[in-house]
Amino acid sequence: MRLQSLALASLSLAVLLATHAWGQTNVRINWTAVTGAQSGMFLAKQEGLFKKNGLDVELIHIPSSSRGIQAILAGEIALSFMDGSNAAQANLKGANIALVAGATNRQVFSLMAKPEFKRITDLRGKKIGITRIGSSTHTSALYAMGSAGLKPSDYQILPLVEVPNIYTALVAGQIDAGVMSPPTNGRAKKAGFVELMNLAKEGPEYVSVGVGVSRAYIKANEDIVRRVVRSYAEGVYIFKTNKATALRMIQNHLKVKETEIQEDTYSQFRDYLEYPPYVSRKGMETILAELSEKDPGAKAAKPDDFTDMRFVAELEKEGFFKKLAVK
């Protein structure tokens, strides 16, 4: 009887230690911009989904995909949001990064301008605000201006680090137009600035935002990545199906107090937040075609070289998305 009691005690201790270890898996994840595109991760944190999946996640903020990728390669963080173009360019230089989940496969940005500008062609010789050179805002600016026949030499690009800074600069008259994502584009519309182009509606299918991680990290921590993707996917589901919870996240994480801008942000990303969160092959093909104009290595590359969709595919195969739908 004593031996049986000891055995049971040992088993209980083992279970307790295993549970403790499961609950103490620390992961650092980077969010790159003040945008609803990263709502799935914010909701996973807000709603305790990471903890439910045995993760102690620290969300940190390093603005820009390129800096996020550098932090991954330096071992400072595990995962980061990043745009497909930056991920592809880094890989072509040997970074060996993989996108494991898709956030938006459209460029959910607006080209906002002063009221006196009625057409994109009116911006010839003007100053256009973006976050950073090589960012999604930069790519979107190039596309929008190019769609009107303007070349990069026809206007001036001003990097301003963060999307809200673009709005501030526009209000201050330091720039004439800028590329903004929700909620900032909604704030600009409310202030009387004009939307010259809605990239999500008028632009191409394009991997604008995804979740990336090094393949070395995946190899060493496959189950952690699996649990992050599971948490993120459920966060996206909650965003799309529980408006009240999503609006609370927009208020708390994106710091949007105005009800109408909360609603606008929710409305835009409810349509464009990818679910199930696959990275679009067509969107990656668009990026590779764009990159191949300057980088010969991109011509021989394939979308699968830059993605690892097994974790999302596993969730779909096990019926995860169907189970959420019938909860």
C-alpha atoms as a PDB file:
ATOM      1  CA  MET A   1       0.000   0.000   0.000  1.00  0.00           C
ATOM      2  CA  ARG A   2       2.849   2.354   0.863  1.00  0.00           C
ATOM      3  CA  LEU A   3       4.585   1.593  -2.421  1.00  0.00           C
ATOM      4  CA  GLN A   4       1.320   2.190  -4.269  1.00  0.00           C
ATOM      5  CA  SER A   5       0.914   5.535  -2.502  1.00  0.00           C
ATOM      6  CA  LEU A   6       4.482   6.490  -3.376  1.00  0.00           C
ATOM      7  CA  ALA A   7       3.895   5.501  -6.987  1.00  0.00           C
ATOM      8  CA  LEU A   8       0.735   7.595  -7.134  1.00  0.00           C
ATOM      9  CA  ALA A   9       2.543  10.519  -5.510  1.00  0.00           C
ATOM     10  CA  SER A  10       5.380  10.225  -8.016  1.00  0.00           C
ATOM     11  CA  LEU A  11       2.897  10.093 -10.889  1.00  0.00           C
ATOM     12  CA  SER A  12       1.070  13.153  -9.559  1.00  0.00           C
ATOM     13  CA  LEU A  13       4.378  14.999  -9.238  1.00  0.00           C
ATOM     14  CA  ALA A  14       5.333  14.036 -12.790  1.00  0.00           C
ATOM     15  CA  VAL A  15       1.991  15.281 -14.118  1.00  0.00           C
ATOM     16  CA  LEU A  16       2.347  18.503 -12.108  1.00  0.00           C
ATOM     17  CA  LEU A  17       5.864  19.085 -13.443  1.00  0.00           C
ATOM     18  CA  ALA A  18       4.781  18.307 -16.988  1.00  0.00           C
ATOM     19  CA  THR A  19       1.840  20.696 -16.685  1.00  0.00           C
ATOM     20  CA  HIS A  20       4.100  23.357 -15.219  1.00  0.00           C
ATOM     21  CA  ALA A  21       6.637  22.916 -18.008  1.00  0.00           C
ATOM     22  CA  TRP A  22       3.846  23.032 -20.628  1.00  0.00           C
ATOM     23  CA  GLY A  23       2.572  26.273 -19.164  1.00  0.00           C
ATOM     24  CA  GLN A  24       5.969  27.913 -18.989  1.00  0.00           C
ATOM     25  CA  THR A  25       7.071  27.650 -22.612  1.00  0.00           C
ATOM     26  CA  ASN A  26       8.230  31.198 -23.274  1.00  0.00           C
ATOM     27  CA  VAL A  27       7.920  32.593 -26.781  1.00  0.00           C
ATOM     28  CA  ARG A  28       8.660  36.103 -28.021  1.00  0.00           C
ATOM     29  CA  ILE A  29       6.563  37.232 -30.969  1.00  0.00           C
ATOM     30  CA  ASN A  30       6.967  40.546 -32.735  1.00  0.00           C
ATOM     31  CA  TRP A  31       4.177  42.716 -34.070  1.00  0.00           C
ATOM     32  CA  THR A  32       5.393  45.251 -36.581  1.00  0.00           C
ATOM     33  CA  ALA A  33       2.709  47.873 -37.124  1.00  0.00           C
ATOM     34  CA  VAL A  34      -0.368  49.538 -35.637  1.00  0.00           C
ATOM     35  CA  THR A  35      -2.810  47.727 -37.899  1.00  0.00           C
ATOM     36  CA  GLY A  36      -5.735  45.362 -37.695  1.00  0.00           C
ATOM     37  CA  ALA A  37      -3.806  42.964 -39.950  1.00  0.00           C
ATOM     38  CA  GLN A  38      -2.172  41.553 -36.817  1.00  0.00           C
ATOM     39  CA  SER A  39      -5.446  41.128 -34.921  1.00  0.00           C
ATOM     40  CA  GLY A  40      -5.209  37.331 -34.710  1.00  0.00           C
ATOM     41  CA  MET A  41      -2.142  37.523 -32.490  1.00  0.00           C
ATOM     42  CA  PHE A  42      -3.554  40.326 -30.339  1.00  0.00           C
ATOM     43  CA  LEU A  43      -6.737  38.328 -29.754  1.00  0.00           C
ATOM     44  CA  ALA A  44      -4.797  35.157 -28.969  1.00  0.00           C
ATOM     45  CA  LYS A  45      -3.098  37.137 -26.207  1.00  0.00           C
ATOM     46  CA  GLN A  46      -6.240  38.950 -25.027  1.00  0.00           C
ATOM     47  CA  GLU A  47      -8.401  35.821 -24.906  1.00  0.00           C
ATOM     48  CA  GLY A  48      -5.824  33.554 -23.257  1.00  0.00           C
ATOM     49  CA  LEU A  49      -5.427  31.283 -26.281  1.00  0.00           C
ATOM     50  CA  PHE A  50      -1.660  31.088 -25.939  1.00  0.00           C
ATOM     51  CA  LYS A  51      -1.997  29.987 -22.326  1.00  0.00           C
ATOM     52  CA  LYS A  52      -4.639  27.451 -23.338  1.00  0.00           C
ATOM     53  CA  ASN A  53      -2.068  25.983 -25.725  1.00  0.00           C
ATOM     54  CA  GLY A  54       0.701  25.957 -23.147  1.00  0.00           C
ATOM     55  CA  LEU A  55       2.551  29.076 -24.233  1.00  0.00           C
ATOM     56  CA  ASP A  56       3.742  32.072 -22.264  1.00  0.00           C
ATOM     57  CA  VAL A  57       3.918  34.598 -25.085  1.00  0.00           C
ATOM     58  CA  GLU A  58       5.518  38.001 -24.898  1.00  0.00           C
ATOM     59  CA  LEU A  59       4.324  40.309 -27.664  1.00  0.00           C
ATOM     60  CA  ILE A  60       6.972  42.891 -28.448  1.00  0.00           C
ATOM     61  CA  HIS A  61       6.983  45.710 -30.953  1.00  0.00           C
ATOM     62  CA  ILE A  62       9.795  46.179 -33.455  1.00  0.00           C
ATOM     63  CA  PRO A  63       8.495  48.305 -36.338  1.00  0.00           C
ATOM     64  CA  SER A  64       9.162  46.992 -39.879  1.00  0.00           C
ATOM     65  CA  SER A  65       9.480  43.528 -41.365  1.00  0.00           C
ATOM     66  CA  SER A  66      13.184  43.869 -42.122  1.00  0.00           C
ATOM     67  CA  ARG A  67      14.052  44.624 -38.502  1.00  0.00           C
ATOM     68  CA  GLY A  68      11.809  41.794 -37.342  1.00  0.00           C
ATOM     69  CA  ILE A  69      13.660  39.388 -39.632  1.00  0.00           C
ATOM     70  CA  GLN A  70      16.993  40.635 -38.290  1.00  0.00           C
ATOM     71  CA  ALA A  71      15.775  40.013 -34.729  1.00  0.00           C
ATOM     72  CA  ILE A  72      14.735  36.458 -35.670  1.00  0.00           C
ATOM     73  CA  LEU A  73      18.135  35.735 -37.219  1.00  0.00           C
ATOM     74  CA  ALA A  74      19.855  37.176 -34.136  1.00  0.00           C
ATOM     75  CA  GLY A  75      17.834  34.823 -31.923  1.00  0.00           C
ATOM     76  CA  GLU A  76      16.172  37.711 -30.077  1.00  0.00           C
ATOM     77  CA  ILE A  77      12.626  36.641 -30.999  1.00  0.00           C
ATOM     78  CA  ALA A  78      10.980  33.462 -32.269  1.00  0.00           C
ATOM     79  CA  LEU A  79       8.415  34.756 -34.745  1.00  0.00           C
ATOM     80  CA  SER A  80       7.465  38.026 -36.353  1.00  0.00           C
ATOM     81  CA  PHE A  81       4.855  39.463 -38.627  1.00  0.00           C
ATOM     82  CA  MET A  82       6.420  40.350 -41.971  1.00  0.00           C
ATOM     83  CA  ASP A  83       5.411  41.098 -45.517  1.00  0.00           C
ATOM     84  CA  GLY A  84       5.982  38.498 -48.208  1.00  0.00           C
ATOM     85  CA  SER A  85       8.355  40.656 -50.205  1.00  0.00           C
ATOM     86  CA  ASN A  86      10.758  41.206 -47.311  1.00  0.00           C
ATOM     87  CA  ALA A  87      10.610  37.516 -46.408  1.00  0.00           C
ATOM     88  CA  ALA A  88      11.388  36.529 -50.000  1.00  0.00           C
ATOM     89  CA  GLN A  89      14.225  39.027 -50.353  1.00  0.00           C
ATOM     90  CA  ALA A  90      15.769  37.842 -47.078  1.00  0.00           C
ATOM     91  CA  ASN A  91      15.569  34.228 -48.219  1.00  0.00           C
ATOM     92  CA  LEU A  92      17.146  35.006 -51.560  1.00  0.00           C
ATOM     93  CA  LYS A  93      20.076  36.334 -49.532  1.00  0.00           C
ATOM     94  CA  GLY A  94      20.266  33.126 -47.475  1.00  0.00           C
ATOM     95  CA  ALA A  95      18.095  33.927 -44.426  1.00  0.00           C
ATOM     96  CA  ASN A  96      16.039  30.704 -44.632  1.00  0.00           C
ATOM     97  CA  ILE A  97      12.839  32.221 -43.234  1.00  0.00           C
ATOM     98  CA  ALA A  98       9.461  30.515 -43.682  1.00  0.00           C
ATOM     99  CA  LEU A  99       5.999  32.050 -43.544  1.00  0.00           C
ATOM    100  CA  VAL A 100       3.911  29.672 -41.415  1.00  0.00           C
ATOM    101  CA  ALA A 101       0.618  31.592 -41.460  1.00  0.00           C
ATOM    102  CA  GLY A 102      -0.973  34.203 -43.653  1.00  0.00           C
ATOM    103  CA  ALA A 103      -2.579  37.339 -42.237  1.00  0.00           C
ATOM    104  CA  THR A 104      -3.589  39.375 -45.296  1.00  0.00           C
ATOM    105  CA  ASN A 105      -3.190  38.326 -48.898  1.00  0.00           C
ATOM    106  CA  ARG A 106      -4.275  41.728 -50.111  1.00  0.00           C
ATOM    107  CA  GLN A 107      -2.616  45.098 -49.510  1.00  0.00           C
ATOM    108  CA  VAL A 108      -5.056  46.525 -46.953  1.00  0.00           C
ATOM    109  CA  PHE A 109      -3.890  50.103 -47.376  1.00  0.00           C
ATOM    110  CA  SER A 110      -5.290  53.375 -48.672  1.00  0.00           C
ATOM    111  CA  LEU A 111      -3.400  56.115 -50.466  1.00  0.00           C
ATOM    112  CA  MET A 112      -4.683  59.126 -48.526  1.00  0.00           C
ATOM    113  CA  ALA A 113      -4.055  62.680 -49.704  1.00  0.00           C
ATOM    114  CA  LYS A 114      -4.854  66.306 -49.032  1.00  0.00           C
ATOM    115  CA  PRO A 115      -8.344  67.297 -50.227  1.00  0.00           C
ATOM    116  CA  GLU A 116      -6.996  69.412 -53.093  1.00  0.00           C
ATOM    117  CA  PHE A 117      -5.656  66.315 -54.854  1.00  0.00           C
ATOM    118  CA  LYS A 118      -8.372  64.608 -56.890  1.00  0.00           C
ATOM    119  CA  ARG A 119      -6.325  62.060 -58.852  1.00  0.00           C
ATOM    120  CA  ILE A 120      -3.101  60.162 -58.256  1.00  0.00           C
ATOM    121  CA  THR A 121      -1.526  62.003 -61.187  1.00  0.00           C
ATOM    122  CA  ASP A 122      -1.965  65.223 -59.178  1.00  0.00           C
ATOM    123  CA  LEU A 123       0.797  63.906 -56.866  1.00  0.00           C
ATOM    124  CA  ARG A 124       3.531  64.398 -59.456  1.00  0.00           C
ATOM    125  CA  GLY A 125       6.413  66.187 -57.722  1.00  0.00           C
ATOM    126  CA  LYS A 126       4.814  65.746 -54.293  1.00  0.00           C
ATOM    127  CA  LYS A 127       5.910  64.095 -51.027  1.00  0.00           C
ATOM    128  CA  ILE A 128       4.499  60.644 -50.226  1.00  0.00           C
ATOM    129  CA  GLY A 129       4.745  59.213 -46.707  1.00  0.00           C
ATOM    130  CA  ILE A 130       5.505  55.541 -46.013  1.00  0.00           C
ATOM    131  CA  THR A 131       6.881  53.689 -42.972  1.00  0.00           C
ATOM    132  CA  ARG A 132      10.203  52.385 -44.302  1.00  0.00           C
ATOM    133  CA  ILE A 133      11.895  51.705 -47.615  1.00  0.00           C
ATOM    134  CA  GLY A 134      11.084  48.133 -48.612  1.00  0.00           C
ATOM    135  CA  SER A 135       8.023  47.937 -46.353  1.00  0.00           C
ATOM    136  CA  SER A 136       4.461  47.003 -47.338  1.00  0.00           C
ATOM    137  CA  THR A 137       3.572  50.698 -47.323  1.00  0.00           C
ATOM    138  CA  HIS A 138       6.439  51.354 -49.741  1.00  0.00           C
ATOM    139  CA  THR A 139       5.337  48.523 -52.036  1.00  0.00           C
ATOM    140  CA  SER A 140       1.776  49.834 -51.936  1.00  0.00           C
ATOM    141  CA  ALA A 141       2.917  53.378 -52.701  1.00  0.00           C
ATOM    142  CA  LEU A 142       4.917  52.172 -55.707  1.00  0.00           C
ATOM    143  CA  TYR A 143       1.932  50.207 -56.998  1.00  0.00           C
ATOM    144  CA  ALA A 144      -0.563  53.041 -56.504  1.00  0.00           C
ATOM    145  CA  MET A 145       1.651  55.661 -58.102  1.00  0.00           C
ATOM    146  CA  GLY A 146       2.674  53.295 -60.888  1.00  0.00           C
ATOM    147  CA  SER A 147      -0.962  52.525 -61.691  1.00  0.00           C
ATOM    148  CA  ALA A 148      -1.305  56.195 -62.667  1.00  0.00           C
ATOM    149  CA  GLY A 149       1.803  56.072 -64.810  1.00  0.00           C
ATOM    150  CA  LEU A 150       4.085  57.807 -62.309  1.00  0.00           C
ATOM    151  CA  LYS A 151       7.658  56.619 -61.902  1.00  0.00           C
ATOM    152  CA  PRO A 152       9.586  56.781 -58.587  1.00  0.00           C
ATOM    153  CA  SER A 153      11.513  59.734 -59.998  1.00  0.00           C
ATOM    154  CA  ASP A 154       8.230  61.652 -60.368  1.00  0.00           C
ATOM    155  CA  TYR A 155       7.658  62.025 -56.608  1.00  0.00           C
ATOM    156  CA  GLN A 156       9.505  61.996 -53.290  1.00  0.00           C
ATOM    157  CA  ILE A 157       9.193  59.137 -50.793  1.00  0.00           C
ATOM    158  CA  LEU A 158       9.509  60.040 -47.101  1.00  0.00           C
ATOM    159  CA  PRO A 159      10.032  57.151 -44.607  1.00  0.00           C
ATOM    160  CA  LEU A 160       8.289  57.958 -41.305  1.00  0.00           C
ATOM    161  CA  VAL A 161       8.748  54.668 -39.356  1.00  0.00           C
ATOM    162  CA  GLU A 162       5.156  54.107 -38.149  1.00  0.00           C
ATOM    163  CA  VAL A 163       1.782  54.390 -39.910  1.00  0.00           C
ATOM    164  CA  PRO A 164       0.324  56.857 -37.345  1.00  0.00           C
ATOM    165  CA  ASN A 165       3.319  59.111 -38.054  1.00  0.00           C
ATOM    166  CA  ILE A 166       2.221  59.287 -41.692  1.00  0.00           C
ATOM    167  CA  TYR A 167      -1.149  60.662 -40.626  1.00  0.00           C
ATOM    168  CA  THR A 168       0.505  63.150 -38.250  1.00  0.00           C
ATOM    169  CA  ALA A 169       2.803  64.346 -41.040  1.00  0.00           C
ATOM    170  CA  LEU A 170      -0.147  64.716 -43.413  1.00  0.00           C
ATOM    171  CA  VAL A 171      -2.054  66.809 -40.870  1.00  0.00           C
ATOM    172  CA  ALA A 172       1.038  68.964 -40.313  1.00  0.00           C
ATOM    173  CA  GLY A 173       1.480  69.538 -44.044  1.00  0.00           C
ATOM    174  CA  GLN A 174       4.880  67.850 -44.094  1.00  0.00           C
ATOM    175  CA  ILE A 175       3.726  65.431 -46.787  1.00  0.00           C
ATOM    176  CA  ASP A 176       1.068  65.624 -49.496  1.00  0.00           C
ATOM    177  CA  ALA A 177      -0.138  62.035 -49.334  1.00  0.00           C
ATOM    178  CA  GLY A 178       0.635  58.800 -47.562  1.00  0.00           C
ATOM    179  CA  VAL A 179      -0.104  55.090 -47.454  1.00  0.00           C
ATOM    180  CA  MET A 180      -2.139  54.111 -44.384  1.00  0.00           C
ATOM    181  CA  SER A 181      -3.766  50.972 -43.029  1.00  0.00           C
ATOM    182  CA  PRO A 182      -6.813  50.719 -40.746  1.00  0.00           C
ATOM    183  CA  PRO A 183      -7.375  52.276 -38.246  1.00  0.00           C
ATOM    184  CA  THR A 184      -5.214  55.184 -39.456  1.00  0.00           C
ATOM    185  CA  ASN A 185      -6.844  55.512 -42.875  1.00  0.00           C
ATOM    186  CA  GLY A 186     -10.237  55.757 -41.132  1.00  0.00           C
ATOM    187  CA  ARG A 187      -8.914  58.537 -38.939  1.00  0.00           C
ATOM    188  CA  ALA A 188      -7.626  60.354 -42.041  1.00  0.00           C
ATOM    189  CA  LYS A 189     -11.004  60.055 -43.791  1.00  0.00           C
ATOM    190  CA  LYS A 190     -12.758  61.440 -40.725  1.00  0.00           C
ATOM    191  CA  ALA A 191     -10.365  64.426 -40.757  1.00  0.00           C
ATOM    192  CA  GLY A 192     -11.318  65.246 -44.350  1.00  0.00           C
ATOM    193  CA  PHE A 193      -8.450  63.715 -46.316  1.00  0.00           C
ATOM    194  CA  VAL A 194      -9.312  61.867 -49.532  1.00  0.00           C
ATOM    195  CA  GLU A 195      -8.737  58.246 -50.477  1.00  0.00           C
ATOM    196  CA  LEU A 196      -7.162  58.205 -53.933  1.00  0.00           C
ATOM    197  CA  MET A 197      -6.831  54.431 -54.000  1.00  0.00           C
ATOM    198  CA  ASN A 198      -7.986  51.499 -51.912  1.00  0.00           C
ATOM    199  CA  LEU A 199      -5.229  48.949 -52.491  1.00  0.00           C
ATOM    200  CA  ALA A 200      -7.214  46.055 -51.002  1.00  0.00           C
ATOM    201  CA  LYS A 201      -9.957  46.524 -53.619  1.00  0.00           C
ATOM    202  CA  GLU A 202      -7.959  47.869 -56.535  1.00  0.00           C
ATOM    203  CA  GLY A 203      -4.563  46.259 -56.028  1.00  0.00           C
ATOM    204  CA  PRO A 204      -3.319  42.748 -56.809  1.00  0.00           C
ATOM    205  CA  GLU A 205      -3.453  39.585 -54.709  1.00  0.00           C
ATOM    206  CA  TYR A 206      -0.273  40.006 -52.697  1.00  0.00           C
ATOM    207  CA  VAL A 207       1.164  38.535 -49.495  1.00  0.00           C
ATOM    208  CA  SER A 208       1.076  41.760 -47.550  1.00  0.00           C
ATOM    209  CA  VAL A 209       1.318  40.360 -44.008  1.00  0.00           C
ATOM    210  CA  GLY A 210       2.251  36.891 -42.743  1.00  0.00           C
ATOM    211  CA  VAL A 211       3.791  35.241 -39.699  1.00  0.00           C
ATOM    212  CA  GLY A 212       7.413  34.240 -40.265  1.00  0.00           C
ATOM    213  CA  VAL A 213       9.993  32.179 -38.414  1.00  0.00           C
ATOM    214  CA  SER A 214      13.402  30.721 -39.232  1.00  0.00           C
ATOM    215  CA  ARG A 215      13.452  27.143 -40.501  1.00  0.00           C
ATOM    216  CA  ALA A 216      16.134  26.422 -37.910  1.00  0.00           C
ATOM    217  CA  TYR A 217      13.687  27.429 -35.167  1.00  0.00           C
ATOM    218  CA  ILE A 218      10.978  25.246 -36.694  1.00  0.00           C
ATOM    219  CA  LYS A 219      13.336  22.272 -36.745  1.00  0.00           C
ATOM    220  CA  ALA A 220      14.292  22.763 -33.092  1.00  0.00           C
ATOM    221  CA  ASN A 221      10.845  23.822 -31.822  1.00  0.00           C
ATOM    222  CA  GLU A 222       8.271  22.333 -34.170  1.00  0.00           C
ATOM    223  CA  ASP A 223       5.615  21.838 -31.517  1.00  0.00           C
ATOM    224  CA  ILE A 224       5.955  25.408 -30.251  1.00  0.00           C
ATOM    225  CA  VAL A 225       5.376  26.722 -33.768  1.00  0.00           C
ATOM    226  CA  ARG A 226       2.408  24.367 -34.094  1.00  0.00           C
ATOM    227  CA  ARG A 227       0.850  25.757 -30.906  1.00  0.00           C
ATOM    228  CA  VAL A 228       1.488  29.367 -31.956  1.00  0.00           C
ATOM    229  CA  VAL A 229      -0.247  28.772 -35.291  1.00  0.00           C
ATOM    230  CA  ARG A 230      -3.159  27.048 -33.534  1.00  0.00           C
ATOM    231  CA  SER A 231      -3.542  29.983 -31.123  1.00  0.00           C
ATOM    232  CA  TYR A 232      -3.259  32.514 -33.928  1.00  0.00           C
ATOM    233  CA  ALA A 233      -5.827  30.717 -36.098  1.00  0.00           C
ATOM    234  CA  GLU A 234      -8.372  30.681 -33.272  1.00  0.00           C
ATOM    235  CA  GLY A 235      -7.647  34.375 -32.685  1.00  0.00           C
ATOM    236  CA  VAL A 236      -8.543  35.109 -36.303  1.00  0.00           C
ATOM    237  CA  TYR A 237     -11.722  33.058 -35.953  1.00  0.00           C
ATOM    238  CA  ILE A 238     -12.753  35.062 -32.884  1.00  0.00           C
ATOM    239  CA  PHE A 239     -12.066  38.304 -34.748  1.00  0.00           C
ATOM    240  CA  LYS A 240     -14.334  37.298 -37.610  1.00  0.00           C
ATOM    241  CA  THR A 241     -17.167  35.860 -35.504  1.00  0.00           C
ATOM    242  CA  ASN A 242     -17.209  37.849 -32.254  1.00  0.00           C
ATOM    243  CA  LYS A 243     -17.482  41.511 -33.102  1.00  0.00           C
ATOM    244  CA  ALA A 244     -17.733  42.760 -29.514  1.00  0.00           C
ATOM    245  CA  THR A 245     -14.527  40.975 -28.530  1.00  0.00           C
ATOM    246  CA  ALA A 246     -12.780  42.197 -31.672  1.00  0.00           C
ATOM    247  CA  LEU A 247     -13.819  45.798 -31.000  1.00  0.00           C
ATOM    248  CA  ARG A 248     -12.473  45.538 -27.457  1.00  0.00           C
ATOM    249  CA  MET A 249      -9.144  44.369 -28.879  1.00  0.00           C
ATOM    250  CA  ILE A 250      -9.098  47.250 -31.369  1.00  0.00           C
ATOM    251  CA  GLN A 251      -9.689  49.675 -28.517  1.00  0.00           C
ATOM    252  CA  ASN A 252      -7.122  48.139 -26.159  1.00  0.00           C
ATOM    253  CA  HIS A 253      -4.323  47.028 -28.486  1.00  0.00           C
ATOM    254  CA  LEU A 254      -4.662  49.498 -31.348  1.00  0.00           C
ATOM    255  CA  LYS A 255      -5.591  52.338 -28.971  1.00  0.00           C
ATOM    256  CA  VAL A 256      -8.627  53.406 -30.983  1.00  0.00           C
ATOM    257  CA  LYS A 257     -11.141  55.271 -28.840  1.00  0.00           C
ATOM    258  CA  GLU A 258     -13.510  56.556 -31.527  1.00  0.00           C
ATOM    259  CA  THR A 259     -16.420  54.145 -32.023  1.00  0.00           C
ATOM    260  CA  GLU A 260     -16.801  54.834 -35.741  1.00  0.00           C
ATOM    261  CA  ILE A 261     -13.096  54.173 -36.405  1.00  0.00           C
ATOM    262  CA  GLN A 262     -13.261  50.976 -34.378  1.00  0.00           C
ATOM    263  CA  GLU A 263     -16.170  49.885 -36.553  1.00  0.00           C
ATOM    264  CA  ASP A 264     -14.375  50.859 -39.765  1.00  0.00           C
ATOM    265  CA  THR A 265     -11.222  48.972 -38.770  1.00  0.00           C
ATOM    266  CA  TYR A 266     -13.247  45.898 -37.911  1.00  0.00           C
ATOM    267  CA  SER A 267     -15.220  46.061 -41.147  1.00  0.00           C
ATOM    268  CA  GLN A 268     -12.125  46.308 -43.335  1.00  0.00           C
ATOM    269  CA  PHE A 269     -10.223  43.472 -41.700  1.00  0.00           C
ATOM    270  CA  ARG A 270     -13.225  41.190 -41.285  1.00  0.00           C
ATOM    271  CA  ASP A 271     -13.198  41.022 -45.073  1.00  0.00           C
ATOM    272  CA  TYR A 272      -9.454  40.694 -45.615  1.00  0.00           C
ATOM    273  CA  LEU A 273      -8.024  38.820 -42.631  1.00  0.00           C
ATOM    274  CA  GLU A 274      -7.177  35.408 -44.074  1.00  0.00           C
ATOM    275  CA  TYR A 275      -9.031  32.395 -42.633  1.00  0.00           C
ATOM    276  CA  PRO A 276      -7.979  29.601 -42.631  1.00  0.00           C
ATOM    277  CA  PRO A 277      -4.697  31.506 -42.443  1.00  0.00           C
ATOM    278  CA  TYR A 278      -2.939  30.214 -45.543  1.00  0.00           C
ATOM    279  CA  VAL A 279      -0.340  32.239 -47.408  1.00  0.00           C
ATOM    280  CA  SER A 280      -1.575  32.795 -50.951  1.00  0.00           C
ATOM    281  CA  ARG A 281       0.486  31.027 -53.644  1.00  0.00           C
ATOM    282  CA  LYS A 282      -0.783  33.519 -56.204  1.00  0.00           C
ATOM    283  CA  GLY A 283       0.216  36.355 -53.889  1.00  0.00           C
ATOM    284  CA  MET A 284       3.742  34.965 -53.580  1.00  0.00           C
ATOM    285  CA  GLU A 285       3.925  34.518 -57.356  1.00  0.00           C
ATOM    286  CA  THR A 286       3.084  38.208 -57.732  1.00  0.00           C
ATOM    287  CA  ILE A 287       5.958  39.071 -55.393  1.00  0.00           C
ATOM    288  CA  LEU A 288       8.450  36.788 -57.136  1.00  0.00           C
ATOM    289  CA  ALA A 289       7.523  38.222 -60.534  1.00  0.00           C
ATOM    290  CA  GLU A 290       8.135  41.699 -59.123  1.00  0.00           C
ATOM    291  CA  LEU A 291      11.472  40.718 -57.545  1.00  0.00           C
ATOM    292  CA  SER A 292      12.689  38.878 -60.640  1.00  0.00           C
ATOM    293  CA  GLU A 293      12.982  42.194 -62.475  1.00  0.00           C
ATOM    294  CA  LYS A 294      16.028  43.010 -60.322  1.00  0.00           C
ATOM    295  CA  ASP A 295      17.035  39.690 -58.746  1.00  0.00           C
ATOM    296  CA  PRO A 296      17.749  36.776 -61.136  1.00  0.00           C
ATOM    297  CA  GLY A 297      17.437  34.346 -58.214  1.00  0.00           C
ATOM    298  CA  ALA A 298      13.744  35.130 -57.933  1.00  0.00           C
ATOM    299  CA  LYS A 299      13.094  33.803 -61.447  1.00  0.00           C
ATOM    300  CA  ALA A 300      13.937  30.249 -60.436  1.00  0.00           C
ATOM    301  CA  ALA A 301      12.213  30.457 -57.049  1.00  0.00           C
ATOM    302  CA  LYS A 302       8.809  28.964 -56.204  1.00  0.00           C
ATOM    303  CA  PRO A 303       6.244  30.086 -53.589  1.00  0.00           C
ATOM    304  CA  ASP A 304       6.873  26.934 -51.546  1.00  0.00           C
ATOM    305  CA  ASP A 305      10.492  28.021 -51.083  1.00  0.00           C
ATOM    306  CA  PHE A 306       9.246  30.766 -48.767  1.00  0.00           C
ATOM    307  CA  THR A 307       6.375  29.112 -46.912  1.00  0.00           C
ATOM    308  CA  ASP A 308       5.686  26.173 -44.598  1.00  0.00           C
ATOM    309  CA  MET A 309       1.948  25.615 -44.600  1.00  0.00           C
ATOM    310  CA  ARG A 310       2.028  22.234 -42.821  1.00  0.00           C
ATOM    311  CA  PHE A 311       0.788  23.671 -39.521  1.00  0.00           C
ATOM    312  CA  VAL A 312      -2.311  25.283 -41.022  1.00  0.00           C
ATOM    313  CA  ALA A 313      -2.865  22.190 -43.180  1.00  0.00           C
ATOM    314  CA  GLU A 314      -2.673  19.962 -40.086  1.00  0.00           C
ATOM    315  CA  LEU A 315      -5.350  22.051 -38.391  1.00  0.00           C
ATOM    316  CA  GLU A 316      -7.591  21.757 -41.413  1.00  0.00           C
ATOM    317  CA  LYS A 317      -7.015  17.995 -41.675  1.00  0.00           C
ATOM    318  CA  GLU A 318      -7.920  17.416 -38.011  1.00  0.00           C
ATOM    319  CA  GLY A 319     -11.136  19.417 -38.485  1.00  0.00           C
ATOM    320  CA  PHE A 320     -10.006  22.300 -36.263  1.00  0.00           C
ATOM    321  CA  PHE A 321     -11.742  24.989 -38.322  1.00  0.00           C
ATOM    322  CA  LYS A 322     -14.987  23.003 -38.568  1.00  0.00           C
ATOM    323  CA  LYS A 323     -14.961  22.384 -34.819  1.00  0.00           C
ATOM    324  CA  LEU A 324     -14.630  26.115 -34.127  1.00  0.00           C
ATOM    325  CA  ALA A 325     -17.551  26.825 -36.451  1.00  0.00           C
ATOM    326  CA  VAL A 326     -19.911  24.563 -34.493  1.00  0.00           C
ATOM    327  CA  LYS A 327     -18.906  25.737 -30.997  1.00  0.00           C
END
